[in-house]
Amino acid sequence: MRVEILGSGGATPAPRPGCDCRVCVEARELGGKHARTGPSTFVHGPNIVFDTPEDARLQLDRAGVGEIRACFYSHWHPDHTMGRRVWETRNADFRTWPPEQRRARATDVYLPEQVAEDMHTYLGAWDHLAFMEERGWIRVHVVSDGDVVHIGDVEVRPFRVAEDYVYAFELRADGRRLLVAPDELNGWSPPEGVRGCDLAVLPMGICEHDPLSGERRIHPDHPILRLEATFAETLELVDVLAAEHVVLTHIEEIDGLTVADLDVLESRLRDAGLPVTFAWDGLQIDV
């Protein structure tokens, strides 16, 4: 398996429209690693995509992704789901007539049971997926808690984290283990069964304090600190997880960290014994 970070940003990717902070200015002027699109991960080999942010069409095209054997959704939040129309733009054939001569192309879309339930409630997501399934562009599968899905030779096990509307995914193949936890790790501690994996892809967490200077960035009474894992809490989780390598993604523009800042921070963390890489769009790492 080879992991590719299609999008390394979070709910506030960079550049953010109308913003002239240094992160957004560098993203506009320099592009490349400095520009971040919404959160999505692709696993080459089984050819699985996790989540489709608004930028999904452009991400998959930029990465040169051909076959997609499955998509898994981790939760209903818009920064992870609002690019789902990619299945229409990718799979629909509007030109061929008569209809029975259209090529059959559909992507298998897997929804863990709570994600399926929430999609009936939020953002019209279930209706949209049902519409695309009726047109033959996707096949929707609801995965009950505790079940595993086999994509080729790879076993995919969705499981709830502490925020129980969100799922992480353990992938196993050829004795190797990959953990993909797209978001929302507030209050989560890795269970024994997922510790010591070969590679983990985790959200960075929000910066309550500037990780380089220590300066407070978020008011201590701000409610977001009750809802989101902080970067400091993420580092504690990384220590407990004891993975061979950790990729931190879901990097928010509002945290104000440039690529140069993250390079310095990554060096400090590695010197402290934490095997961390800060993601960028297009980063590829073998499992």
C-alpha atoms as a PDB file:
ATOM      1  CA  MET A   1       0.000   0.000   0.000  1.00  0.00           C
ATOM      2  CA  ARG A   2       1.116   3.532  -0.743  1.00  0.00           C
ATOM      3  CA  VAL A   3      -0.628   6.469   0.909  1.00  0.00           C
ATOM      4  CA  GLU A   4      -1.099   9.729  -0.987  1.00  0.00           C
ATOM      5  CA  ILE A   5      -2.400  12.813   0.782  1.00  0.00           C
ATOM      6  CA  LEU A   6      -4.754  14.286  -1.799  1.00  0.00           C
ATOM      7  CA  GLY A   7      -5.609  17.235   0.426  1.00  0.00           C
ATOM      8  CA  SER A   8      -3.723  18.274   3.565  1.00  0.00           C
ATOM      9  CA  GLY A   9      -5.915  21.189   4.620  1.00  0.00           C
ATOM     10  CA  GLY A  10      -8.848  21.201   6.995  1.00  0.00           C
ATOM     11  CA  ALA A  11     -12.068  23.151   7.226  1.00  0.00           C
ATOM     12  CA  THR A  12     -10.008  26.258   6.384  1.00  0.00           C
ATOM     13  CA  PRO A  13      -7.637  25.329   3.532  1.00  0.00           C
ATOM     14  CA  ALA A  14      -5.091  27.771   2.145  1.00  0.00           C
ATOM     15  CA  PRO A  15      -5.372  30.167   0.481  1.00  0.00           C
ATOM     16  CA  ARG A  16      -8.618  31.278   2.045  1.00  0.00           C
ATOM     17  CA  PRO A  17     -10.640  33.665  -0.152  1.00  0.00           C
ATOM     18  CA  GLY A  18     -10.163  37.282   0.880  1.00  0.00           C
ATOM     19  CA  CYS A  19      -7.430  36.515   3.419  1.00  0.00           C
ATOM     20  CA  ASP A  20      -4.070  38.319   3.255  1.00  0.00           C
ATOM     21  CA  CYS A  21      -2.292  36.538   6.120  1.00  0.00           C
ATOM     22  CA  ARG A  22       1.211  35.250   5.446  1.00  0.00           C
ATOM     23  CA  VAL A  23      -0.002  31.656   5.030  1.00  0.00           C
ATOM     24  CA  CYS A  24      -2.498  32.633   2.333  1.00  0.00           C
ATOM     25  CA  VAL A  25      -0.115  35.042   0.597  1.00  0.00           C
ATOM     26  CA  GLU A  26       2.536  32.313   0.330  1.00  0.00           C
ATOM     27  CA  ALA A  27      -0.076  29.841  -0.886  1.00  0.00           C
ATOM     28  CA  ARG A  28      -1.145  32.191  -3.686  1.00  0.00           C
ATOM     29  CA  GLU A  29       2.352  33.280  -4.680  1.00  0.00           C
ATOM     30  CA  LEU A  30       4.249  30.004  -4.308  1.00  0.00           C
ATOM     31  CA  GLY A  31       1.624  27.275  -4.695  1.00  0.00           C
ATOM     32  CA  GLY A  32       3.001  23.744  -4.432  1.00  0.00           C
ATOM     33  CA  LYS A  33       3.438  22.604  -0.834  1.00  0.00           C
ATOM     34  CA  HIS A  34       2.247  26.005   0.395  1.00  0.00           C
ATOM     35  CA  ALA A  35      -1.312  25.594  -0.951  1.00  0.00           C
ATOM     36  CA  ARG A  36      -3.634  23.153   0.803  1.00  0.00           C
ATOM     37  CA  THR A  37      -6.917  21.691  -0.389  1.00  0.00           C
ATOM     38  CA  GLY A  38      -9.553  19.946   1.705  1.00  0.00           C
ATOM     39  CA  PRO A  39      -9.003  16.741   3.697  1.00  0.00           C
ATOM     40  CA  SER A  40      -8.732  13.553   1.637  1.00  0.00           C
ATOM     41  CA  THR A  41      -6.458  10.503   1.526  1.00  0.00           C
ATOM     42  CA  PHE A  42      -5.937   7.941  -1.255  1.00  0.00           C
ATOM     43  CA  VAL A  43      -4.430   4.506  -0.744  1.00  0.00           C
ATOM     44  CA  HIS A  44      -2.760   3.133  -3.864  1.00  0.00           C
ATOM     45  CA  GLY A  45      -2.863  -0.628  -4.256  1.00  0.00           C
ATOM     46  CA  PRO A  46      -6.427  -1.224  -3.130  1.00  0.00           C
ATOM     47  CA  ASN A  47      -7.193   2.179  -4.710  1.00  0.00           C
ATOM     48  CA  ILE A  48      -9.378   3.517  -1.916  1.00  0.00           C
ATOM     49  CA  VAL A  49     -10.248   7.160  -1.345  1.00  0.00           C
ATOM     50  CA  PHE A  50     -11.220   8.421   2.101  1.00  0.00           C
ATOM     51  CA  ASP A  51     -13.601  11.412   1.987  1.00  0.00           C
ATOM     52  CA  THR A  52     -14.352  13.844  -0.836  1.00  0.00           C
ATOM     53  CA  PRO A  53     -13.938  17.539   0.063  1.00  0.00           C
ATOM     54  CA  GLU A  54     -15.028  20.261  -2.333  1.00  0.00           C
ATOM     55  CA  ASP A  55     -11.713  19.910  -4.180  1.00  0.00           C
ATOM     56  CA  ALA A  56     -12.054  16.148  -4.798  1.00  0.00           C
ATOM     57  CA  ARG A  57     -12.363  16.380  -8.582  1.00  0.00           C
ATOM     58  CA  LEU A  58      -9.224  18.477  -8.907  1.00  0.00           C
ATOM     59  CA  GLN A  59      -7.328  16.398  -6.332  1.00  0.00           C
ATOM     60  CA  LEU A  60      -7.965  13.095  -8.089  1.00  0.00           C
ATOM     61  CA  ASP A  61      -7.112  14.565 -11.470  1.00  0.00           C
ATOM     62  CA  ARG A  62      -3.897  16.154 -10.195  1.00  0.00           C
ATOM     63  CA  ALA A  63      -2.856  12.842  -8.648  1.00  0.00           C
ATOM     64  CA  GLY A  64      -3.508  11.015 -11.921  1.00  0.00           C
ATOM     65  CA  VAL A  65      -5.785   8.534 -10.181  1.00  0.00           C
ATOM     66  CA  GLY A  66      -7.294   6.079 -12.631  1.00  0.00           C
ATOM     67  CA  GLU A  67      -9.172   3.188 -11.056  1.00  0.00           C
ATOM     68  CA  ILE A  68     -11.000   3.814  -7.778  1.00  0.00           C
ATOM     69  CA  ARG A  69     -12.288   0.613  -6.243  1.00  0.00           C
ATOM     70  CA  ALA A  70     -13.935   2.158  -3.198  1.00  0.00           C
ATOM     71  CA  CYS A  71     -14.665   5.335  -1.281  1.00  0.00           C
ATOM     72  CA  PHE A  72     -15.175   5.402   2.478  1.00  0.00           C
ATOM     73  CA  TYR A  73     -16.725   8.360   4.278  1.00  0.00           C
ATOM     74  CA  SER A  74     -15.564   9.046   7.822  1.00  0.00           C
ATOM     75  CA  HIS A  75     -18.380  11.421   8.879  1.00  0.00           C
ATOM     76  CA  TRP A  76     -20.912  13.845   7.435  1.00  0.00           C
ATOM     77  CA  HIS A  77     -19.093  17.189   7.902  1.00  0.00           C
ATOM     78  CA  PRO A  78     -19.087  19.345   4.751  1.00  0.00           C
ATOM     79  CA  ASP A  79     -15.305  19.664   4.472  1.00  0.00           C
ATOM     80  CA  HIS A  80     -15.223  15.862   4.088  1.00  0.00           C
ATOM     81  CA  THR A  81     -18.301  15.264   1.930  1.00  0.00           C
ATOM     82  CA  MET A  82     -19.248  18.255  -0.208  1.00  0.00           C
ATOM     83  CA  GLY A  83     -17.185  17.098  -3.195  1.00  0.00           C
ATOM     84  CA  ARG A  84     -19.283  13.951  -3.561  1.00  0.00           C
ATOM     85  CA  ARG A  85     -20.505  15.149  -6.945  1.00  0.00           C
ATOM     86  CA  VAL A  86     -17.120  13.876  -8.170  1.00  0.00           C
ATOM     87  CA  TRP A  87     -18.891  10.530  -8.664  1.00  0.00           C
ATOM     88  CA  GLU A  88     -21.177  12.180 -11.197  1.00  0.00           C
ATOM     89  CA  THR A  89     -18.441  14.069 -13.030  1.00  0.00           C
ATOM     90  CA  ARG A  90     -16.239  10.964 -13.015  1.00  0.00           C
ATOM     91  CA  ASN A  91     -18.728   8.211 -13.811  1.00  0.00           C
ATOM     92  CA  ALA A  92     -21.636   9.738 -15.749  1.00  0.00           C
ATOM     93  CA  ASP A  93     -21.896   9.362 -19.509  1.00  0.00           C
ATOM     94  CA  PHE A  94     -24.246  12.068 -20.744  1.00  0.00           C
ATOM     95  CA  ARG A  95     -23.399  11.855 -24.451  1.00  0.00           C
ATOM     96  CA  THR A  96     -24.118   8.276 -25.521  1.00  0.00           C
ATOM     97  CA  TRP A  97     -27.550   7.433 -26.913  1.00  0.00           C
ATOM     98  CA  PRO A  98     -29.604   5.248 -26.713  1.00  0.00           C
ATOM     99  CA  PRO A  99     -29.226   4.807 -22.929  1.00  0.00           C
ATOM    100  CA  GLU A 100     -28.689   1.043 -23.038  1.00  0.00           C
ATOM    101  CA  GLN A 101     -25.422   1.599 -24.919  1.00  0.00           C
ATOM    102  CA  ARG A 102     -23.912   3.755 -22.190  1.00  0.00           C
ATOM    103  CA  ARG A 103     -20.869   2.250 -20.541  1.00  0.00           C
ATOM    104  CA  ALA A 104     -21.449   0.932 -17.044  1.00  0.00           C
ATOM    105  CA  ARG A 105     -19.234   2.704 -14.516  1.00  0.00           C
ATOM    106  CA  ALA A 106     -19.984   2.903 -10.821  1.00  0.00           C
ATOM    107  CA  THR A 107     -17.917   3.431  -7.703  1.00  0.00           C
ATOM    108  CA  ASP A 108     -18.558   1.489  -4.500  1.00  0.00           C
ATOM    109  CA  VAL A 109     -19.257   3.973  -1.695  1.00  0.00           C
ATOM    110  CA  TYR A 110     -19.082   2.650   1.873  1.00  0.00           C
ATOM    111  CA  LEU A 111     -20.842   4.381   4.757  1.00  0.00           C
ATOM    112  CA  PRO A 112     -20.276   3.183   8.322  1.00  0.00           C
ATOM    113  CA  GLU A 113     -23.634   2.873  10.017  1.00  0.00           C
ATOM    114  CA  GLN A 114     -23.591   6.167  11.948  1.00  0.00           C
ATOM    115  CA  VAL A 115     -22.363   8.053   8.891  1.00  0.00           C
ATOM    116  CA  ALA A 116     -25.280   6.624   6.898  1.00  0.00           C
ATOM    117  CA  GLU A 117     -27.709   7.660   9.636  1.00  0.00           C
ATOM    118  CA  ASP A 118     -26.295  11.181   9.832  1.00  0.00           C
ATOM    119  CA  MET A 119     -26.408  11.569   6.061  1.00  0.00           C
ATOM    120  CA  HIS A 120     -30.184  11.156   6.265  1.00  0.00           C
ATOM    121  CA  THR A 121     -30.207  14.296   8.443  1.00  0.00           C
ATOM    122  CA  TYR A 122     -27.472  16.648   7.257  1.00  0.00           C
ATOM    123  CA  LEU A 123     -26.713  18.514   4.037  1.00  0.00           C
ATOM    124  CA  GLY A 124     -29.111  16.458   1.910  1.00  0.00           C
ATOM    125  CA  ALA A 125     -26.286  13.952   1.637  1.00  0.00           C
ATOM    126  CA  TRP A 126     -28.349  10.760   1.608  1.00  0.00           C
ATOM    127  CA  ASP A 127     -30.720  12.093  -1.055  1.00  0.00           C
ATOM    128  CA  HIS A 128     -27.769  13.091  -3.204  1.00  0.00           C
ATOM    129  CA  LEU A 129     -26.112   9.681  -2.870  1.00  0.00           C
ATOM    130  CA  ALA A 130     -29.427   7.952  -3.584  1.00  0.00           C
ATOM    131  CA  PHE A 131     -29.849  10.089  -6.704  1.00  0.00           C
ATOM    132  CA  MET A 132     -26.393   9.123  -7.959  1.00  0.00           C
ATOM    133  CA  GLU A 133     -27.005   5.468  -7.153  1.00  0.00           C
ATOM    134  CA  GLU A 134     -30.284   5.511  -9.062  1.00  0.00           C
ATOM    135  CA  ARG A 135     -28.407   6.921 -12.066  1.00  0.00           C
ATOM    136  CA  GLY A 136     -25.882   4.090 -11.834  1.00  0.00           C
ATOM    137  CA  TRP A 137     -22.862   6.221 -10.913  1.00  0.00           C
ATOM    138  CA  ILE A 138     -22.287   4.708  -7.453  1.00  0.00           C
ATOM    139  CA  ARG A 139     -23.248   1.687  -5.383  1.00  0.00           C
ATOM    140  CA  VAL A 140     -23.953   2.543  -1.740  1.00  0.00           C
ATOM    141  CA  HIS A 141     -23.040   0.053   1.001  1.00  0.00           C
ATOM    142  CA  VAL A 142     -23.880   0.602   4.679  1.00  0.00           C
ATOM    143  CA  VAL A 143     -21.286  -1.059   6.920  1.00  0.00           C
ATOM    144  CA  SER A 144     -22.522  -2.203  10.328  1.00  0.00           C
ATOM    145  CA  ASP A 145     -20.281  -1.545  13.306  1.00  0.00           C
ATOM    146  CA  GLY A 146     -17.904  -4.458  13.770  1.00  0.00           C
ATOM    147  CA  ASP A 147     -17.962  -5.521  10.125  1.00  0.00           C
ATOM    148  CA  VAL A 148     -14.933  -5.452   7.855  1.00  0.00           C
ATOM    149  CA  VAL A 149     -14.794  -4.826   4.110  1.00  0.00           C
ATOM    150  CA  HIS A 150     -12.396  -6.573   1.764  1.00  0.00           C
ATOM    151  CA  ILE A 151     -11.138  -4.510  -1.163  1.00  0.00           C
ATOM    152  CA  GLY A 152      -9.005  -6.922  -3.135  1.00  0.00           C
ATOM    153  CA  ASP A 153      -6.438  -8.311  -0.692  1.00  0.00           C
ATOM    154  CA  VAL A 154      -6.871  -5.455   1.781  1.00  0.00           C
ATOM    155  CA  GLU A 155      -9.082  -5.685   4.864  1.00  0.00           C
ATOM    156  CA  VAL A 156     -10.689  -2.381   5.887  1.00  0.00           C
ATOM    157  CA  ARG A 157     -12.127  -2.124   9.389  1.00  0.00           C
ATOM    158  CA  PRO A 158     -14.101   1.035  10.229  1.00  0.00           C
ATOM    159  CA  PHE A 159     -14.441   1.823  13.930  1.00  0.00           C
ATOM    160  CA  ARG A 160     -15.806   4.696  15.965  1.00  0.00           C
ATOM    161  CA  VAL A 161     -13.518   7.027  17.848  1.00  0.00           C
ATOM    162  CA  ALA A 162     -14.492   8.935  21.021  1.00  0.00           C
ATOM    163  CA  GLU A 163     -16.710  11.341  19.069  1.00  0.00           C
ATOM    164  CA  ASP A 164     -18.901   8.449  18.044  1.00  0.00           C
ATOM    165  CA  TYR A 165     -20.312   9.975  14.859  1.00  0.00           C
ATOM    166  CA  VAL A 166     -16.793   9.802  13.371  1.00  0.00           C
ATOM    167  CA  TYR A 167     -14.948   6.724  12.157  1.00  0.00           C
ATOM    168  CA  ALA A 168     -11.313   5.843  11.708  1.00  0.00           C
ATOM    169  CA  PHE A 169     -10.161   2.966   9.501  1.00  0.00           C
ATOM    170  CA  GLU A 170      -7.614   0.225   9.993  1.00  0.00           C
ATOM    171  CA  LEU A 171      -6.281  -1.366   6.799  1.00  0.00           C
ATOM    172  CA  ARG A 172      -4.411  -4.672   6.859  1.00  0.00           C
ATOM    173  CA  ALA A 173      -2.519  -6.349   4.028  1.00  0.00           C
ATOM    174  CA  ASP A 174       0.533  -8.616   3.808  1.00  0.00           C
ATOM    175  CA  GLY A 175       1.252  -8.244   7.505  1.00  0.00           C
ATOM    176  CA  ARG A 176       1.263  -4.435   7.324  1.00  0.00           C
ATOM    177  CA  ARG A 177      -1.151  -2.133   9.137  1.00  0.00           C
ATOM    178  CA  LEU A 178      -2.303   1.341   8.172  1.00  0.00           C
ATOM    179  CA  LEU A 179      -4.467   3.623  10.307  1.00  0.00           C
ATOM    180  CA  VAL A 180      -6.413   6.411   8.596  1.00  0.00           C
ATOM    181  CA  ALA A 181      -8.197   8.695  11.079  1.00  0.00           C
ATOM    182  CA  PRO A 182      -9.453  11.632   9.010  1.00  0.00           C
ATOM    183  CA  ASP A 183     -10.717  13.954  11.778  1.00  0.00           C
ATOM    184  CA  GLU A 184     -12.248  14.587  15.196  1.00  0.00           C
ATOM    185  CA  LEU A 185      -9.963  12.741  17.623  1.00  0.00           C
ATOM    186  CA  ASN A 186     -11.077  14.773  20.633  1.00  0.00           C
ATOM    187  CA  GLY A 187     -10.954  12.557  23.724  1.00  0.00           C
ATOM    188  CA  TRP A 188      -9.766   9.472  21.844  1.00  0.00           C
ATOM    189  CA  SER A 189      -7.072   7.116  23.084  1.00  0.00           C
ATOM    190  CA  PRO A 190      -5.901   4.433  20.644  1.00  0.00           C
ATOM    191  CA  PRO A 191      -7.020   0.962  21.752  1.00  0.00           C
ATOM    192  CA  GLU A 192      -4.418  -1.759  22.043  1.00  0.00           C
ATOM    193  CA  GLY A 193      -5.483  -3.310  18.754  1.00  0.00           C
ATOM    194  CA  VAL A 194      -4.416  -0.348  16.626  1.00  0.00           C
ATOM    195  CA  ARG A 195      -1.230   0.590  18.470  1.00  0.00           C
ATOM    196  CA  GLY A 196       2.093  -0.115  16.850  1.00  0.00           C
ATOM    197  CA  CYS A 197       0.784   0.190  13.295  1.00  0.00           C
ATOM    198  CA  ASP A 198       3.222   0.750  10.437  1.00  0.00           C
ATOM    199  CA  LEU A 199       1.769   4.100   9.366  1.00  0.00           C
ATOM    200  CA  ALA A 200      -0.887   6.383  10.851  1.00  0.00           C
ATOM    201  CA  VAL A 201      -2.544   9.335   9.126  1.00  0.00           C
ATOM    202  CA  LEU A 202      -3.997  11.671  11.755  1.00  0.00           C
ATOM    203  CA  PRO A 203      -5.374  15.222  11.968  1.00  0.00           C
ATOM    204  CA  MET A 204      -2.903  17.686  13.428  1.00  0.00           C
ATOM    205  CA  GLY A 205      -5.348  19.209  15.897  1.00  0.00           C
ATOM    206  CA  ILE A 206      -5.861  22.898  16.534  1.00  0.00           C
ATOM    207  CA  CYS A 207      -3.116  25.067  17.986  1.00  0.00           C
ATOM    208  CA  GLU A 208      -4.272  26.366  21.346  1.00  0.00           C
ATOM    209  CA  HIS A 209      -0.722  27.707  21.688  1.00  0.00           C
ATOM    210  CA  ASP A 210       1.752  28.548  18.961  1.00  0.00           C
ATOM    211  CA  PRO A 211       3.813  25.337  18.798  1.00  0.00           C
ATOM    212  CA  LEU A 212       7.045  27.269  18.180  1.00  0.00           C
ATOM    213  CA  SER A 213       6.756  30.260  20.508  1.00  0.00           C
ATOM    214  CA  GLY A 214       4.309  28.936  23.092  1.00  0.00           C
ATOM    215  CA  GLU A 215       2.156  32.068  22.719  1.00  0.00           C
ATOM    216  CA  ARG A 216      -1.538  31.451  23.405  1.00  0.00           C
ATOM    217  CA  ARG A 217      -3.585  31.595  20.202  1.00  0.00           C
ATOM    218  CA  ILE A 218      -7.040  30.562  21.411  1.00  0.00           C
ATOM    219  CA  HIS A 219      -8.813  32.040  24.427  1.00  0.00           C
ATOM    220  CA  PRO A 220      -8.947  29.436  27.225  1.00  0.00           C
ATOM    221  CA  ASP A 221     -12.747  29.826  27.461  1.00  0.00           C
ATOM    222  CA  HIS A 222     -13.339  29.348  23.748  1.00  0.00           C
ATOM    223  CA  PRO A 223     -15.837  26.474  23.267  1.00  0.00           C
ATOM    224  CA  ILE A 224     -13.761  25.031  20.438  1.00  0.00           C
ATOM    225  CA  LEU A 225     -11.343  23.707  23.062  1.00  0.00           C
ATOM    226  CA  ARG A 226     -14.122  21.442  24.351  1.00  0.00           C
ATOM    227  CA  LEU A 227     -14.972  20.212  20.867  1.00  0.00           C
ATOM    228  CA  GLU A 228     -11.639  19.761  19.092  1.00  0.00           C
ATOM    229  CA  ALA A 229      -8.420  17.974  19.927  1.00  0.00           C
ATOM    230  CA  THR A 230      -5.501  20.346  20.311  1.00  0.00           C
ATOM    231  CA  PHE A 231      -2.085  19.850  18.778  1.00  0.00           C
ATOM    232  CA  ALA A 232      -0.665  19.124  22.223  1.00  0.00           C
ATOM    233  CA  GLU A 233      -3.296  16.425  22.760  1.00  0.00           C
ATOM    234  CA  THR A 234      -2.500  14.980  19.337  1.00  0.00           C
ATOM    235  CA  LEU A 235       1.157  14.626  20.315  1.00  0.00           C
ATOM    236  CA  GLU A 236       0.117  12.724  23.440  1.00  0.00           C
ATOM    237  CA  LEU A 237      -1.975  10.451  21.229  1.00  0.00           C
ATOM    238  CA  VAL A 238       0.992   9.931  18.867  1.00  0.00           C
ATOM    239  CA  ASP A 239       3.098   8.844  21.809  1.00  0.00           C
ATOM    240  CA  VAL A 240       0.490   6.307  22.949  1.00  0.00           C
ATOM    241  CA  LEU A 241      -0.135   5.050  19.417  1.00  0.00           C
ATOM    242  CA  ALA A 242       3.558   4.151  18.975  1.00  0.00           C
ATOM    243  CA  ALA A 243       3.246   3.898  15.186  1.00  0.00           C
ATOM    244  CA  GLU A 244       6.357   3.414  13.105  1.00  0.00           C
ATOM    245  CA  HIS A 245       5.554   6.619  11.198  1.00  0.00           C
ATOM    246  CA  VAL A 246       2.861   9.281  11.635  1.00  0.00           C
ATOM    247  CA  VAL A 247       1.623  11.737   9.023  1.00  0.00           C
ATOM    248  CA  LEU A 248      -0.185  14.763  10.452  1.00  0.00           C
ATOM    249  CA  THR A 249      -2.693  16.330   8.111  1.00  0.00           C
ATOM    250  CA  HIS A 250      -5.915  18.407   8.343  1.00  0.00           C
ATOM    251  CA  ILE A 251      -3.652  21.455   8.787  1.00  0.00           C
ATOM    252  CA  GLU A 252      -5.753  24.567   9.310  1.00  0.00           C
ATOM    253  CA  GLU A 253      -4.909  27.901   7.705  1.00  0.00           C
ATOM    254  CA  ILE A 254      -6.249  29.674  10.793  1.00  0.00           C
ATOM    255  CA  ASP A 255      -3.396  28.238  12.874  1.00  0.00           C
ATOM    256  CA  GLY A 256      -1.049  30.532  10.933  1.00  0.00           C
ATOM    257  CA  LEU A 257       1.756  28.041  10.315  1.00  0.00           C
ATOM    258  CA  THR A 258       3.772  28.305   7.117  1.00  0.00           C
ATOM    259  CA  VAL A 259       5.621  25.427   5.478  1.00  0.00           C
ATOM    260  CA  ALA A 260       8.866  26.804   6.947  1.00  0.00           C
ATOM    261  CA  ASP A 261       7.301  26.829  10.434  1.00  0.00           C
ATOM    262  CA  LEU A 262       6.179  23.235  10.048  1.00  0.00           C
ATOM    263  CA  ASP A 263       9.632  22.188   8.832  1.00  0.00           C
ATOM    264  CA  VAL A 264      11.177  23.607  12.016  1.00  0.00           C
ATOM    265  CA  LEU A 265       8.505  21.991  14.158  1.00  0.00           C
ATOM    266  CA  GLU A 266       8.929  18.627  12.431  1.00  0.00           C
ATOM    267  CA  SER A 267      12.672  18.722  13.084  1.00  0.00           C
ATOM    268  CA  ARG A 268      12.080  19.450  16.776  1.00  0.00           C
ATOM    269  CA  LEU A 269       9.589  16.601  17.096  1.00  0.00           C
ATOM    270  CA  ARG A 270      11.913  14.126  15.426  1.00  0.00           C
ATOM    271  CA  ASP A 271      14.754  15.201  17.685  1.00  0.00           C
ATOM    272  CA  ALA A 272      12.394  14.416  20.568  1.00  0.00           C
ATOM    273  CA  GLY A 273      11.813  10.925  19.194  1.00  0.00           C
ATOM    274  CA  LEU A 274       8.441  11.402  17.521  1.00  0.00           C
ATOM    275  CA  PRO A 275       8.402   9.987  13.937  1.00  0.00           C
ATOM    276  CA  VAL A 276       6.185  12.736  12.541  1.00  0.00           C
ATOM    277  CA  THR A 277       5.818  14.162   9.038  1.00  0.00           C
ATOM    278  CA  PHE A 278       3.588  17.169   8.356  1.00  0.00           C
ATOM    279  CA  ALA A 279       1.600  16.482   5.229  1.00  0.00           C
ATOM    280  CA  TRP A 280       1.303  18.493   2.049  1.00  0.00           C
ATOM    281  CA  ASP A 281      -0.907  17.958  -0.962  1.00  0.00           C
ATOM    282  CA  GLY A 282       0.642  15.150  -3.000  1.00  0.00           C
ATOM    283  CA  LEU A 283       2.794  13.635  -0.239  1.00  0.00           C
ATOM    284  CA  GLN A 284       3.261   9.886  -0.842  1.00  0.00           C
ATOM    285  CA  ILE A 285       4.514   7.375   1.718  1.00  0.00           C
ATOM    286  CA  ASP A 286       4.757   3.597   1.439  1.00  0.00           C
ATOM    287  CA  VAL A 287       3.290   1.444   4.174  1.00  0.00           C
END
